[in-house]
PDB file of N, CA and C in Angstrom:
ATOM      1  N   UNK A   1     -15.656 -16.195  25.689  1.00  0.00           N
ATOM      2  CA  UNK A   1     -15.276 -14.787  25.622  1.00  0.00           C
ATOM      3  C   UNK A   1     -15.916 -14.040  26.780  1.00  0.00           C
ATOM      4  N   UNK A   2     -15.148 -13.260  27.465  1.00  0.00           N
ATOM      5  CA  UNK A   2     -15.657 -12.466  28.569  1.00  0.00           C
ATOM      6  C   UNK A   2     -16.142 -11.119  28.064  1.00  0.00           C
ATOM      7  N   UNK A   3     -17.225 -10.645  28.637  1.00  0.00           N
ATOM      8  CA  UNK A   3     -17.774  -9.363  28.249  1.00  0.00           C
ATOM      9  C   UNK A   3     -17.422  -8.316  29.299  1.00  0.00           C
ATOM     10  N   UNK A   4     -17.323  -7.040  28.909  1.00  0.00           N
ATOM     11  CA  UNK A   4     -16.934  -6.007  29.857  1.00  0.00           C
ATOM     12  C   UNK A   4     -17.862  -5.920  31.069  1.00  0.00           C
ATOM     13  N   UNK A   5     -19.142  -6.196  30.890  1.00  0.00           N
ATOM     14  CA  UNK A   5     -20.091  -6.085  31.996  1.00  0.00           C
ATOM     15  C   UNK A   5     -19.812  -7.123  33.080  1.00  0.00           C
ATOM     16  N   UNK A   6     -19.161  -8.228  32.720  1.00  0.00           N
ATOM     17  CA  UNK A   6     -18.871  -9.261  33.710  1.00  0.00           C
ATOM     18  C   UNK A   6     -17.677  -8.898  34.583  1.00  0.00           C
ATOM     19  N   UNK A   7     -16.956  -7.852  34.214  1.00  0.00           N
ATOM     20  CA  UNK A   7     -15.817  -7.412  34.993  1.00  0.00           C
ATOM     21  C   UNK A   7     -14.557  -8.213  34.732  1.00  0.00           C
ATOM     22  N   UNK A   8     -14.587  -9.119  33.758  1.00  0.00           N
ATOM     23  CA  UNK A   8     -13.438  -9.974  33.528  1.00  0.00           C
ATOM     24  C   UNK A   8     -12.624  -9.627  32.312  1.00  0.00           C
ATOM     25  N   UNK A   9     -12.963  -8.563  31.596  1.00  0.00           N
ATOM     26  CA  UNK A   9     -12.223  -8.238  30.378  1.00  0.00           C
ATOM     27  C   UNK A   9     -12.197  -6.731  30.184  1.00  0.00           C
ATOM     28  N   UNK A  10     -11.201  -6.280  29.435  1.00  0.00           N
ATOM     29  CA  UNK A  10     -11.132  -4.861  29.080  1.00  0.00           C
ATOM     30  C   UNK A  10     -12.185  -4.554  28.035  1.00  0.00           C
ATOM     31  N   UNK A  11     -12.611  -3.324  27.985  1.00  0.00           N
ATOM     32  CA  UNK A  11     -13.588  -2.917  26.973  1.00  0.00           C
ATOM     33  C   UNK A  11     -12.877  -2.667  25.655  1.00  0.00           C
ATOM     34  N   UNK A  12     -13.471  -3.097  24.574  1.00  0.00           N
ATOM     35  CA  UNK A  12     -12.929  -2.848  23.247  1.00  0.00           C
ATOM     36  C   UNK A  12     -12.091  -3.998  22.743  1.00  0.00           C
ATOM     37  N   UNK A  13     -11.861  -3.983  21.469  1.00  0.00           N
ATOM     38  CA  UNK A  13     -11.065  -5.016  20.822  1.00  0.00           C
ATOM     39  C   UNK A  13      -9.588  -4.674  20.909  1.00  0.00           C
ATOM     40  N   UNK A  14      -8.754  -5.665  20.679  1.00  0.00           N
ATOM     41  CA  UNK A  14      -7.321  -5.392  20.615  1.00  0.00           C
ATOM     42  C   UNK A  14      -7.057  -4.499  19.415  1.00  0.00           C
ATOM     43  N   UNK A  15      -6.054  -3.678  19.527  1.00  0.00           N
ATOM     44  CA  UNK A  15      -5.754  -2.770  18.431  1.00  0.00           C
ATOM     45  C   UNK A  15      -5.268  -3.561  17.221  1.00  0.00           C
ATOM     46  N   UNK A  16      -5.780  -3.203  16.069  1.00  0.00           N
ATOM     47  CA  UNK A  16      -5.414  -3.864  14.831  1.00  0.00           C
ATOM     48  C   UNK A  16      -4.317  -3.064  14.152  1.00  0.00           C
ATOM     49  N   UNK A  17      -3.243  -3.724  13.790  1.00  0.00           N
ATOM     50  CA  UNK A  17      -2.137  -3.074  13.094  1.00  0.00           C
ATOM     51  C   UNK A  17      -2.401  -3.125  11.593  1.00  0.00           C
ATOM     52  N   UNK A  18      -1.937  -2.106  10.892  1.00  0.00           N
ATOM     53  CA  UNK A  18      -2.174  -2.007   9.458  1.00  0.00           C
ATOM     54  C   UNK A  18      -0.917  -1.469   8.773  1.00  0.00           C
ATOM     55  N   UNK A  19      -0.576  -2.044   7.624  1.00  0.00           N
ATOM     56  CA  UNK A  19       0.523  -1.541   6.796  1.00  0.00           C
ATOM     57  C   UNK A  19      -0.106  -0.625   5.764  1.00  0.00           C
ATOM     58  N   UNK A  20       0.286   0.643   5.772  1.00  0.00           N
ATOM     59  CA  UNK A  20      -0.323   1.604   4.861  1.00  0.00           C
ATOM     60  C   UNK A  20       0.630   2.760   4.592  1.00  0.00           C
ATOM     61  N   UNK A  21       0.173   3.700   3.753  1.00  0.00           N
ATOM     62  CA  UNK A  21       0.971   4.866   3.401  1.00  0.00           C
ATOM     63  C   UNK A  21       0.740   5.990   4.408  1.00  0.00           C
ATOM     64  N   UNK A  22       1.801   6.715   4.731  1.00  0.00           N
ATOM     65  CA  UNK A  22       1.715   7.964   5.483  1.00  0.00           C
ATOM     66  C   UNK A  22       2.251   9.044   4.554  1.00  0.00           C
ATOM     67  N   UNK A  23       1.411  10.024   4.224  1.00  0.00           N
ATOM     68  CA  UNK A  23       1.780  11.025   3.230  1.00  0.00           C
ATOM     69  C   UNK A  23       2.720  12.072   3.815  1.00  0.00           C
ATOM     70  N   UNK A  24       3.769  12.353   3.068  1.00  0.00           N
ATOM     71  CA  UNK A  24       4.717  13.412   3.394  1.00  0.00           C
ATOM     72  C   UNK A  24       4.913  14.225   2.124  1.00  0.00           C
ATOM     73  N   UNK A  25       5.843  15.134   2.122  1.00  0.00           N
ATOM     74  CA  UNK A  25       6.062  15.966   0.948  1.00  0.00           C
ATOM     75  C   UNK A  25       5.277  17.258   1.078  1.00  0.00           C
ATOM     76  N   UNK A  26       5.006  17.881  -0.055  1.00  0.00           N
ATOM     77  CA  UNK A  26       4.288  19.147  -0.032  1.00  0.00           C
ATOM     78  C   UNK A  26       3.280  19.178  -1.179  1.00  0.00           C
ATOM     79  N   UNK A  27       2.667  20.312  -1.394  1.00  0.00           N
ATOM     80  CA  UNK A  27       1.662  20.446  -2.428  1.00  0.00           C
ATOM     81  C   UNK A  27       2.259  20.124  -3.792  1.00  0.00           C
ATOM     82  N   UNK A  28       1.557  19.323  -4.560  1.00  0.00           N
ATOM     83  CA  UNK A  28       1.957  18.891  -5.907  1.00  0.00           C
ATOM     84  C   UNK A  28       3.249  18.077  -5.911  1.00  0.00           C
ATOM     85  N   UNK A  29       3.709  17.634  -4.770  1.00  0.00           N
ATOM     86  CA  UNK A  29       4.913  16.806  -4.693  1.00  0.00           C
ATOM     87  C   UNK A  29       4.753  15.778  -3.574  1.00  0.00           C
ATOM     88  N   UNK A  30       3.856  14.786  -3.796  1.00  0.00           N
ATOM     89  CA  UNK A  30       3.632  13.806  -2.731  1.00  0.00           C
ATOM     90  C   UNK A  30       4.805  12.848  -2.578  1.00  0.00           C
ATOM     91  N   UNK A  31       4.941  12.357  -1.380  1.00  0.00           N
ATOM     92  CA  UNK A  31       5.969  11.386  -1.039  1.00  0.00           C
ATOM     93  C   UNK A  31       5.401  10.565   0.104  1.00  0.00           C
ATOM     94  N   UNK A  32       5.526   9.258   0.046  1.00  0.00           N
ATOM     95  CA  UNK A  32       4.876   8.410   1.036  1.00  0.00           C
ATOM     96  C   UNK A  32       5.886   7.560   1.791  1.00  0.00           C
ATOM     97  N   UNK A  33       5.631   7.378   3.074  1.00  0.00           N
ATOM     98  CA  UNK A  33       6.345   6.398   3.877  1.00  0.00           C
ATOM     99  C   UNK A  33       5.423   5.200   4.017  1.00  0.00           C
ATOM    100  N   UNK A  34       5.967   3.998   3.864  1.00  0.00           N
ATOM    101  CA  UNK A  34       5.207   2.779   4.098  1.00  0.00           C
ATOM    102  C   UNK A  34       5.411   2.445   5.570  1.00  0.00           C
ATOM    103  N   UNK A  35       4.324   2.472   6.337  1.00  0.00           N
ATOM    104  CA  UNK A  35       4.437   2.382   7.787  1.00  0.00           C
ATOM    105  C   UNK A  35       3.480   1.338   8.360  1.00  0.00           C
ATOM    106  N   UNK A  36       3.781   0.930   9.585  1.00  0.00           N
ATOM    107  CA  UNK A  36       2.870   0.106  10.376  1.00  0.00           C
ATOM    108  C   UNK A  36       2.290   1.018  11.444  1.00  0.00           C
ATOM    109  N   UNK A  37       0.969   1.077  11.505  1.00  0.00           N
ATOM    110  CA  UNK A  37       0.301   1.870  12.527  1.00  0.00           C
ATOM    111  C   UNK A  37      -1.043   1.238  12.847  1.00  0.00           C
ATOM    112  N   UNK A  38      -1.680   1.715  13.881  1.00  0.00           N
ATOM    113  CA  UNK A  38      -2.982   1.187  14.228  1.00  0.00           C
ATOM    114  C   UNK A  38      -3.989   1.618  13.175  1.00  0.00           C
ATOM    115  N   UNK A  39      -4.900   0.710  12.853  1.00  0.00           N
ATOM    116  CA  UNK A  39      -5.828   0.917  11.752  1.00  0.00           C
ATOM    117  C   UNK A  39      -6.703   2.145  11.944  1.00  0.00           C
ATOM    118  N   UNK A  40      -7.128   2.411  13.148  1.00  0.00           N
ATOM    119  CA  UNK A  40      -8.085   3.489  13.394  1.00  0.00           C
ATOM    120  C   UNK A  40      -7.427   4.854  13.590  1.00  0.00           C
ATOM    121  N   UNK A  41      -6.133   4.922  13.541  1.00  0.00           N
ATOM    122  CA  UNK A  41      -5.434   6.192  13.733  1.00  0.00           C
ATOM    123  C   UNK A  41      -5.462   7.004  12.436  1.00  0.00           C
ATOM    124  N   UNK A  42      -5.348   8.336  12.529  1.00  0.00           N
ATOM    125  CA  UNK A  42      -5.299   9.152  11.311  1.00  0.00           C
ATOM    126  C   UNK A  42      -4.026   8.889  10.510  1.00  0.00           C
ATOM    127  N   UNK A  43      -4.040   9.337   9.263  1.00  0.00           N
ATOM    128  CA  UNK A  43      -2.934   9.069   8.342  1.00  0.00           C
ATOM    129  C   UNK A  43      -1.599   9.567   8.876  1.00  0.00           C
ATOM    130  N   UNK A  44      -1.602  10.676   9.567  1.00  0.00           N
ATOM    131  CA  UNK A  44      -0.369  11.231  10.123  1.00  0.00           C
ATOM    132  C   UNK A  44      -0.227  10.897  11.606  1.00  0.00           C
ATOM    133  N   UNK A  45      -0.905   9.868  12.062  1.00  0.00           N
ATOM    134  CA  UNK A  45      -0.884   9.501  13.475  1.00  0.00           C
ATOM    135  C   UNK A  45       0.423   8.851  13.896  1.00  0.00           C
ATOM    136  N   UNK A  46       0.394   8.258  15.090  1.00  0.00           N
ATOM    137  CA  UNK A  46       1.581   7.635  15.675  1.00  0.00           C
ATOM    138  C   UNK A  46       1.994   6.412  14.854  1.00  0.00           C
ATOM    139  N   UNK A  47       3.244   6.391  14.414  1.00  0.00           N
ATOM    140  CA  UNK A  47       3.780   5.298  13.594  1.00  0.00           C
ATOM    141  C   UNK A  47       4.502   4.315  14.503  1.00  0.00           C
ATOM    142  N   UNK A  48       4.212   3.027  14.330  1.00  0.00           N
ATOM    143  CA  UNK A  48       4.900   1.992  15.100  1.00  0.00           C
ATOM    144  C   UNK A  48       6.264   1.715  14.485  1.00  0.00           C
ATOM    145  N   UNK A  49       6.291   1.543  13.149  1.00  0.00           N
ATOM    146  CA  UNK A  49       7.559   1.275  12.466  1.00  0.00           C
ATOM    147  C   UNK A  49       7.441   1.705  11.007  1.00  0.00           C
ATOM    148  N   UNK A  50       8.503   2.292  10.482  1.00  0.00           N
ATOM    149  CA  UNK A  50       8.546   2.639   9.064  1.00  0.00           C
ATOM    150  C   UNK A  50       9.194   1.487   8.311  1.00  0.00           C
ATOM    151  N   UNK A  51       8.492   0.996   7.271  1.00  0.00           N
ATOM    152  CA  UNK A  51       8.977  -0.150   6.510  1.00  0.00           C
ATOM    153  C   UNK A  51       9.622   0.235   5.187  1.00  0.00           C
ATOM    154  N   UNK A  52       9.357   1.433   4.699  1.00  0.00           N
ATOM    155  CA  UNK A  52       9.935   1.826   3.422  1.00  0.00           C
ATOM    156  C   UNK A  52       9.414   3.173   2.976  1.00  0.00           C
ATOM    157  N   UNK A  53       9.752   3.526   1.722  1.00  0.00           N
ATOM    158  CA  UNK A  53       9.314   4.784   1.134  1.00  0.00           C
ATOM    159  C   UNK A  53       8.825   4.533  -0.280  1.00  0.00           C
ATOM    160  N   UNK A  54       8.005   5.463  -0.782  1.00  0.00           N
ATOM    161  CA  UNK A  54       7.495   5.376  -2.148  1.00  0.00           C
ATOM    162  C   UNK A  54       7.365   6.778  -2.706  1.00  0.00           C
ATOM    163  N   UNK A  55       7.965   7.008  -3.876  1.00  0.00           N
ATOM    164  CA  UNK A  55       7.888   8.288  -4.569  1.00  0.00           C
ATOM    165  C   UNK A  55       7.074   8.074  -5.841  1.00  0.00           C
ATOM    166  N   UNK A  56       5.795   8.512  -5.880  1.00  0.00           N
ATOM    167  CA  UNK A  56       4.937   8.215  -7.028  1.00  0.00           C
ATOM    168  C   UNK A  56       5.229   9.038  -8.276  1.00  0.00           C
ATOM    169  N   UNK A  57       5.984  10.116  -8.160  1.00  0.00           N
ATOM    170  CA  UNK A  57       6.293  10.923  -9.334  1.00  0.00           C
ATOM    171  C   UNK A  57       7.543  10.386 -10.015  1.00  0.00           C
ATOM    172  N   UNK A  58       7.462  10.263 -11.329  1.00  0.00           N
ATOM    173  CA  UNK A  58       8.583   9.707 -12.086  1.00  0.00           C
ATOM    174  C   UNK A  58       9.772  10.665 -12.055  1.00  0.00           C
ATOM    175  N   UNK A  59      10.977  10.090 -11.976  1.00  0.00           N
ATOM    176  CA  UNK A  59      12.191  10.906 -11.976  1.00  0.00           C
ATOM    177  C   UNK A  59      12.624  11.171 -13.419  1.00  0.00           C
ATOM    178  N   UNK A  60      13.842  11.659 -13.623  1.00  0.00           N
ATOM    179  CA  UNK A  60      14.333  12.006 -14.958  1.00  0.00           C
ATOM    180  C   UNK A  60      14.413  10.795 -15.877  1.00  0.00           C
ATOM    181  N   UNK A  61      14.511   9.596 -15.304  1.00  0.00           N
ATOM    182  CA  UNK A  61      14.619   8.381 -16.102  1.00  0.00           C
ATOM    183  C   UNK A  61      13.274   7.674 -16.267  1.00  0.00           C
ATOM    184  N   UNK A  62      12.194   8.303 -15.815  1.00  0.00           N
ATOM    185  CA  UNK A  62      10.866   7.718 -15.934  1.00  0.00           C
ATOM    186  C   UNK A  62      10.592   6.615 -14.928  1.00  0.00           C
ATOM    187  N   UNK A  63      11.285   6.621 -13.801  1.00  0.00           N
ATOM    188  CA  UNK A  63      11.129   5.571 -12.795  1.00  0.00           C
ATOM    189  C   UNK A  63      10.420   6.126 -11.558  1.00  0.00           C
ATOM    190  N   UNK A  64       9.522   5.324 -11.012  1.00  0.00           N
ATOM    191  CA  UNK A  64       8.913   5.644  -9.727  1.00  0.00           C
ATOM    192  C   UNK A  64       9.683   4.852  -8.677  1.00  0.00           C
ATOM    193  N   UNK A  65      10.284   5.542  -7.739  1.00  0.00           N
ATOM    194  CA  UNK A  65      11.183   4.894  -6.787  1.00  0.00           C
ATOM    195  C   UNK A  65      10.434   4.362  -5.572  1.00  0.00           C
ATOM    196  N   UNK A  66      10.831   3.168  -5.159  1.00  0.00           N
ATOM    197  CA  UNK A  66      10.226   2.520  -4.006  1.00  0.00           C
ATOM    198  C   UNK A  66      11.302   1.724  -3.278  1.00  0.00           C
ATOM    199  N   UNK A  67      11.343   1.847  -1.972  1.00  0.00           N
ATOM    200  CA  UNK A  67      12.251   1.017  -1.177  1.00  0.00           C
ATOM    201  C   UNK A  67      11.437   0.399  -0.051  1.00  0.00           C
ATOM    202  N   UNK A  68      11.578  -0.919   0.108  1.00  0.00           N
ATOM    203  CA  UNK A  68      10.807  -1.651   1.112  1.00  0.00           C
ATOM    204  C   UNK A  68      11.743  -2.595   1.856  1.00  0.00           C
ATOM    205  N   UNK A  69      11.636  -2.619   3.165  1.00  0.00           N
ATOM    206  CA  UNK A  69      12.353  -3.593   3.976  1.00  0.00           C
ATOM    207  C   UNK A  69      11.498  -4.859   3.983  1.00  0.00           C
ATOM    208  N   UNK A  70      11.813  -5.800   3.083  1.00  0.00           N
ATOM    209  CA  UNK A  70      10.981  -6.985   2.901  1.00  0.00           C
ATOM    210  C   UNK A  70      10.991  -7.891   4.128  1.00  0.00           C
ATOM    211  N   UNK A  71      12.100  -7.938   4.837  1.00  0.00           N
ATOM    212  CA  UNK A  71      12.184  -8.791   6.023  1.00  0.00           C
ATOM    213  C   UNK A  71      11.211  -8.324   7.106  1.00  0.00           C
ATOM    214  N   UNK A  72      11.213  -7.028   7.392  1.00  0.00           N
ATOM    215  CA  UNK A  72      10.313  -6.496   8.420  1.00  0.00           C
ATOM    216  C   UNK A  72       8.854  -6.520   7.944  1.00  0.00           C
ATOM    217  N   UNK A  73       8.645  -6.303   6.647  1.00  0.00           N
ATOM    218  CA  UNK A  73       7.282  -6.352   6.121  1.00  0.00           C
ATOM    219  C   UNK A  73       6.706  -7.752   6.261  1.00  0.00           C
ATOM    220  N   UNK A  74       7.487  -8.772   5.920  1.00  0.00           N
ATOM    221  CA  UNK A  74       7.000 -10.142   6.066  1.00  0.00           C
ATOM    222  C   UNK A  74       6.793 -10.483   7.547  1.00  0.00           C
ATOM    223  N   UNK A  75       7.609  -9.903   8.437  1.00  0.00           N
ATOM    224  CA  UNK A  75       7.414 -10.106   9.873  1.00  0.00           C
ATOM    225  C   UNK A  75       6.047  -9.581  10.304  1.00  0.00           C
ATOM    226  N   UNK A  76       5.698  -8.358   9.884  1.00  0.00           N
ATOM    227  CA  UNK A  76       4.428  -7.764  10.290  1.00  0.00           C
ATOM    228  C   UNK A  76       3.250  -8.489   9.655  1.00  0.00           C
ATOM    229  N   UNK A  77       3.410  -8.966   8.430  1.00  0.00           N
ATOM    230  CA  UNK A  77       2.337  -9.748   7.804  1.00  0.00           C
ATOM    231  C   UNK A  77       2.134 -11.039   8.587  1.00  0.00           C
ATOM    232  N   UNK A  78       3.231 -11.651   9.028  1.00  0.00           N
ATOM    233  CA  UNK A  78       3.149 -12.855   9.845  1.00  0.00           C
ATOM    234  C   UNK A  78       2.507 -12.605  11.198  1.00  0.00           C
ATOM    235  N   UNK A  79       2.640 -11.389  11.715  1.00  0.00           N
ATOM    236  CA  UNK A  79       2.014 -11.030  12.985  1.00  0.00           C
ATOM    237  C   UNK A  79       0.526 -10.736  12.830  1.00  0.00           C
ATOM    238  N   UNK A  80       0.025 -10.735  11.582  1.00  0.00           N
ATOM    239  CA  UNK A  80      -1.401 -10.516  11.347  1.00  0.00           C
ATOM    240  C   UNK A  80      -1.771  -9.093  11.012  1.00  0.00           C
ATOM    241  N   UNK A  81      -0.813  -8.274  10.609  1.00  0.00           N
ATOM    242  CA  UNK A  81      -1.124  -6.896  10.244  1.00  0.00           C
ATOM    243  C   UNK A  81      -1.925  -6.875   8.945  1.00  0.00           C
ATOM    244  N   UNK A  82      -2.926  -6.022   8.898  1.00  0.00           N
ATOM    245  CA  UNK A  82      -3.706  -5.845   7.681  1.00  0.00           C
ATOM    246  C   UNK A  82      -2.895  -5.013   6.695  1.00  0.00           C
ATOM    247  N   UNK A  83      -3.275  -5.064   5.418  1.00  0.00           N
ATOM    248  CA  UNK A  83      -2.554  -4.318   4.389  1.00  0.00           C
ATOM    249  C   UNK A  83      -3.568  -3.495   3.615  1.00  0.00           C
ATOM    250  N   UNK A  84      -3.317  -2.199   3.462  1.00  0.00           N
ATOM    251  CA  UNK A  84      -4.219  -1.361   2.683  1.00  0.00           C
ATOM    252  C   UNK A  84      -4.129  -1.759   1.213  1.00  0.00           C
ATOM    253  N   UNK A  85      -5.163  -1.413   0.444  1.00  0.00           N
ATOM    254  CA  UNK A  85      -5.200  -1.802  -0.966  1.00  0.00           C
ATOM    255  C   UNK A  85      -4.029  -1.222  -1.749  1.00  0.00           C
ATOM    256  N   UNK A  86      -3.719   0.052  -1.522  1.00  0.00           N
ATOM    257  CA  UNK A  86      -2.629   0.673  -2.271  1.00  0.00           C
ATOM    258  C   UNK A  86      -1.284   0.033  -1.933  1.00  0.00           C
ATOM    259  N   UNK A  87      -1.084  -0.331  -0.683  1.00  0.00           N
ATOM    260  CA  UNK A  87       0.156  -1.022  -0.310  1.00  0.00           C
ATOM    261  C   UNK A  87       0.169  -2.441  -0.846  1.00  0.00           C
ATOM    262  N   UNK A  88      -0.996  -3.086  -0.922  1.00  0.00           N
ATOM    263  CA  UNK A  88      -1.058  -4.443  -1.464  1.00  0.00           C
ATOM    264  C   UNK A  88      -0.662  -4.451  -2.937  1.00  0.00           C
ATOM    265  N   UNK A  89      -1.059  -3.421  -3.681  1.00  0.00           N
ATOM    266  CA  UNK A  89      -0.650  -3.310  -5.085  1.00  0.00           C
ATOM    267  C   UNK A  89       0.865  -3.185  -5.170  1.00  0.00           C
ATOM    268  N   UNK A  90       1.444  -2.318  -4.354  1.00  0.00           N
ATOM    269  CA  UNK A  90       2.888  -2.094  -4.371  1.00  0.00           C
ATOM    270  C   UNK A  90       3.661  -3.335  -3.930  1.00  0.00           C
ATOM    271  N   UNK A  91       3.190  -4.018  -2.892  1.00  0.00           N
ATOM    272  CA  UNK A  91       3.860  -5.231  -2.425  1.00  0.00           C
ATOM    273  C   UNK A  91       3.698  -6.369  -3.426  1.00  0.00           C
ATOM    274  N   UNK A  92       2.608  -6.373  -4.186  1.00  0.00           N
ATOM    275  CA  UNK A  92       2.439  -7.367  -5.244  1.00  0.00           C
ATOM    276  C   UNK A  92       3.426  -7.141  -6.374  1.00  0.00           C
ATOM    277  N   UNK A  93       3.633  -5.885  -6.739  1.00  0.00           N
ATOM    278  CA  UNK A  93       4.600  -5.573  -7.794  1.00  0.00           C
ATOM    279  C   UNK A  93       6.029  -5.856  -7.339  1.00  0.00           C
ATOM    280  N   UNK A  94       6.284  -5.771  -6.032  1.00  0.00           N
ATOM    281  CA  UNK A  94       7.631  -6.050  -5.524  1.00  0.00           C
ATOM    282  C   UNK A  94       7.900  -7.545  -5.399  1.00  0.00           C
ATOM    283  N   UNK A  95       6.849  -8.371  -5.452  1.00  0.00           N
ATOM    284  CA  UNK A  95       7.027  -9.814  -5.398  1.00  0.00           C
ATOM    285  C   UNK A  95       6.807 -10.423  -4.027  1.00  0.00           C
ATOM    286  N   UNK A  96       6.501  -9.617  -3.029  1.00  0.00           N
ATOM    287  CA  UNK A  96       6.272 -10.147  -1.687  1.00  0.00           C
ATOM    288  C   UNK A  96       4.903 -10.819  -1.584  1.00  0.00           C
ATOM    289  N   UNK A  97       3.911 -10.253  -2.255  1.00  0.00           N
ATOM    290  CA  UNK A  97       2.553 -10.795  -2.275  1.00  0.00           C
ATOM    291  C   UNK A  97       2.191 -11.171  -3.706  1.00  0.00           C
ATOM    292  N   UNK A  98       1.121 -11.940  -3.907  1.00  0.00           N
ATOM    293  CA  UNK A  98       0.642 -12.169  -5.275  1.00  0.00           C
ATOM    294  C   UNK A  98       0.177 -10.845  -5.886  1.00  0.00           C
ATOM    295  N   UNK A  99       0.187 -10.772  -7.207  1.00  0.00           N
ATOM    296  CA  UNK A  99      -0.245  -9.543  -7.868  1.00  0.00           C
ATOM    297  C   UNK A  99      -1.681  -9.220  -7.495  1.00  0.00           C
ATOM    298  N   UNK A 100      -1.927  -7.966  -7.226  1.00  0.00           N
ATOM    299  CA  UNK A 100      -3.260  -7.498  -6.862  1.00  0.00           C
ATOM    300  C   UNK A 100      -4.118  -7.452  -8.129  1.00  0.00           C
ATOM    301  N   UNK A 101      -5.420  -7.731  -8.055  1.00  0.00           N
ATOM    302  CA  UNK A 101      -6.280  -7.674  -9.243  1.00  0.00           C
ATOM    303  C   UNK A 101      -6.273  -6.318  -9.931  1.00  0.00           C
ATOM    304  N   UNK A 102      -6.034  -5.250  -9.189  1.00  0.00           N
ATOM    305  CA  UNK A 102      -5.955  -3.923  -9.790  1.00  0.00           C
ATOM    306  C   UNK A 102      -4.812  -3.846 -10.797  1.00  0.00           C
ATOM    307  N   UNK A 103      -3.710  -4.529 -10.526  1.00  0.00           N
ATOM    308  CA  UNK A 103      -2.564  -4.530 -11.439  1.00  0.00           C
ATOM    309  C   UNK A 103      -2.931  -5.192 -12.757  1.00  0.00           C
ATOM    310  N   UNK A 104      -3.675  -6.307 -12.676  1.00  0.00           N
ATOM    311  CA  UNK A 104      -4.118  -6.980 -13.896  1.00  0.00           C
ATOM    312  C   UNK A 104      -5.047  -6.083 -14.709  1.00  0.00           C
ATOM    313  N   UNK A 105      -5.975  -5.411 -14.028  1.00  0.00           N
ATOM    314  CA  UNK A 105      -6.922  -4.543 -14.732  1.00  0.00           C
ATOM    315  C   UNK A 105      -6.204  -3.371 -15.393  1.00  0.00           C
ATOM    316  N   UNK A 106      -5.244  -2.785 -14.715  1.00  0.00           N
ATOM    317  CA  UNK A 106      -4.503  -1.661 -15.280  1.00  0.00           C
ATOM    318  C   UNK A 106      -3.710  -2.102 -16.508  1.00  0.00           C
ATOM    319  N   UNK A 107      -3.069  -3.272 -16.436  1.00  0.00           N
ATOM    320  CA  UNK A 107      -2.311  -3.782 -17.577  1.00  0.00           C
ATOM    321  C   UNK A 107      -3.241  -4.064 -18.750  1.00  0.00           C
ATOM    322  N   UNK A 108      -4.422  -4.620 -18.474  1.00  0.00           N
ATOM    323  CA  UNK A 108      -5.380  -4.917 -19.539  1.00  0.00           C
ATOM    324  C   UNK A 108      -5.851  -3.630 -20.205  1.00  0.00           C
ATOM    325  N   UNK A 109      -6.142  -2.590 -19.416  1.00  0.00           N
ATOM    326  CA  UNK A 109      -6.577  -1.304 -19.982  1.00  0.00           C
ATOM    327  C   UNK A 109      -5.467  -0.668 -20.815  1.00  0.00           C
ATOM    328  N   UNK A 110      -4.233  -0.744 -20.339  1.00  0.00           N
ATOM    329  CA  UNK A 110      -3.114  -0.171 -21.091  1.00  0.00           C
ATOM    330  C   UNK A 110      -2.903  -0.898 -22.409  1.00  0.00           C
ATOM    331  N   UNK A 111      -3.015  -2.238 -22.390  1.00  0.00           N
ATOM    332  CA  UNK A 111      -2.884  -3.004 -23.636  1.00  0.00           C
ATOM    333  C   UNK A 111      -3.984  -2.642 -24.620  1.00  0.00           C
ATOM    334  N   UNK A 112      -5.207  -2.532 -24.129  1.00  0.00           N
ATOM    335  CA  UNK A 112      -6.340  -2.203 -24.993  1.00  0.00           C
ATOM    336  C   UNK A 112      -6.170  -0.810 -25.595  1.00  0.00           C
ATOM    337  N   UNK A 113      -5.723   0.158 -24.796  1.00  0.00           N
ATOM    338  CA  UNK A 113      -5.505   1.514 -25.302  1.00  0.00           C
ATOM    339  C   UNK A 113      -4.395   1.527 -26.349  1.00  0.00           C
ATOM    340  N   UNK A 114      -3.337   0.740 -26.148  1.00  0.00           N
ATOM    341  CA  UNK A 114      -2.244   0.679 -27.120  1.00  0.00           C
ATOM    342  C   UNK A 114      -2.718   0.043 -28.425  1.00  0.00           C
ATOM    343  N   UNK A 115      -3.557  -1.001 -28.328  1.00  0.00           N
ATOM    344  CA  UNK A 115      -4.092  -1.627 -29.542  1.00  0.00           C
ATOM    345  C   UNK A 115      -4.978  -0.656 -30.313  1.00  0.00           C
ATOM    346  N   UNK A 116      -5.840   0.071 -29.608  1.00  0.00           N
ATOM    347  CA  UNK A 116      -6.709   1.047 -30.272  1.00  0.00           C
ATOM    348  C   UNK A 116      -5.888   2.150 -30.924  1.00  0.00           C
ATOM    349  N   UNK A 117      -4.831   2.583 -30.267  1.00  0.00           N
ATOM    350  CA  UNK A 117      -3.977   3.632 -30.827  1.00  0.00           C
ATOM    351  C   UNK A 117      -3.280   3.137 -32.091  1.00  0.00           C
ATOM    352  N   UNK A 118      -2.786   1.893 -32.068  1.00  0.00           N
ATOM    353  CA  UNK A 118      -2.114   1.356 -33.255  1.00  0.00           C
ATOM    354  C   UNK A 118      -3.107   1.141 -34.395  1.00  0.00           C
ATOM    355  N   UNK A 119      -4.341   0.758 -34.086  1.00  0.00           N
ATOM    356  CA  UNK A 119      -5.350   0.590 -35.131  1.00  0.00           C
ATOM    357  C   UNK A 119      -5.716   1.927 -35.753  1.00  0.00           C
ATOM    358  N   UNK A 120      -5.795   2.985 -34.961  1.00  0.00           N
ATOM    359  CA  UNK A 120      -6.089   4.312 -35.493  1.00  0.00           C
ATOM    360  C   UNK A 120      -4.969   4.784 -36.409  1.00  0.00           C
ATOM    361  N   UNK A 121      -3.721   4.501 -36.032  1.00  0.00           N
ATOM    362  CA  UNK A 121      -2.588   4.911 -36.863  1.00  0.00           C
ATOM    363  C   UNK A 121      -2.571   4.147 -38.177  1.00  0.00           C
ATOM    364  N   UNK A 122      -2.966   2.870 -38.158  1.00  0.00           N
ATOM    365  CA  UNK A 122      -2.994   2.069 -39.379  1.00  0.00           C
ATOM    366  C   UNK A 122      -4.084   2.534 -40.330  1.00  0.00           C
ATOM    367  N   UNK A 123      -5.245   2.907 -39.806  1.00  0.00           N
ATOM    368  CA  UNK A 123      -6.358   3.312 -40.661  1.00  0.00           C
ATOM    369  C   UNK A 123      -6.178   4.719 -41.207  1.00  0.00           C
ATOM    370  N   UNK A 124      -5.452   5.572 -40.533  1.00  0.00           N
ATOM    371  CA  UNK A 124      -5.309   6.945 -41.024  1.00  0.00           C
ATOM    372  C   UNK A 124      -4.066   7.140 -41.833  1.00  0.00           C
TER     373      UNK A 124
END
């Protein structure tokens, strides 16, 4: 590896690409674009490519809408792009990645809360 002082290399590391959310929308109405951007850039910084969208608020049918271009996402993962935790959860639920441990924990907590609620209803 060449060091900058030797005059044979550029200073700094190569830019690391990251798949993460870019927040859009307005107050009390968030909306996210799933984007590829450099890891060290701010959330609203320069976007290399938009891979999809995510609407975290449930619609009239109780659905949270998400659209992902799986082909381009797998391309960027193959290129070595990092994935933020929140995007990893979403990509795990979509089937592109293995389920994130957070998904298992959330399901376990929901099951436990439902069991406690049913036990309270039975005893009262």
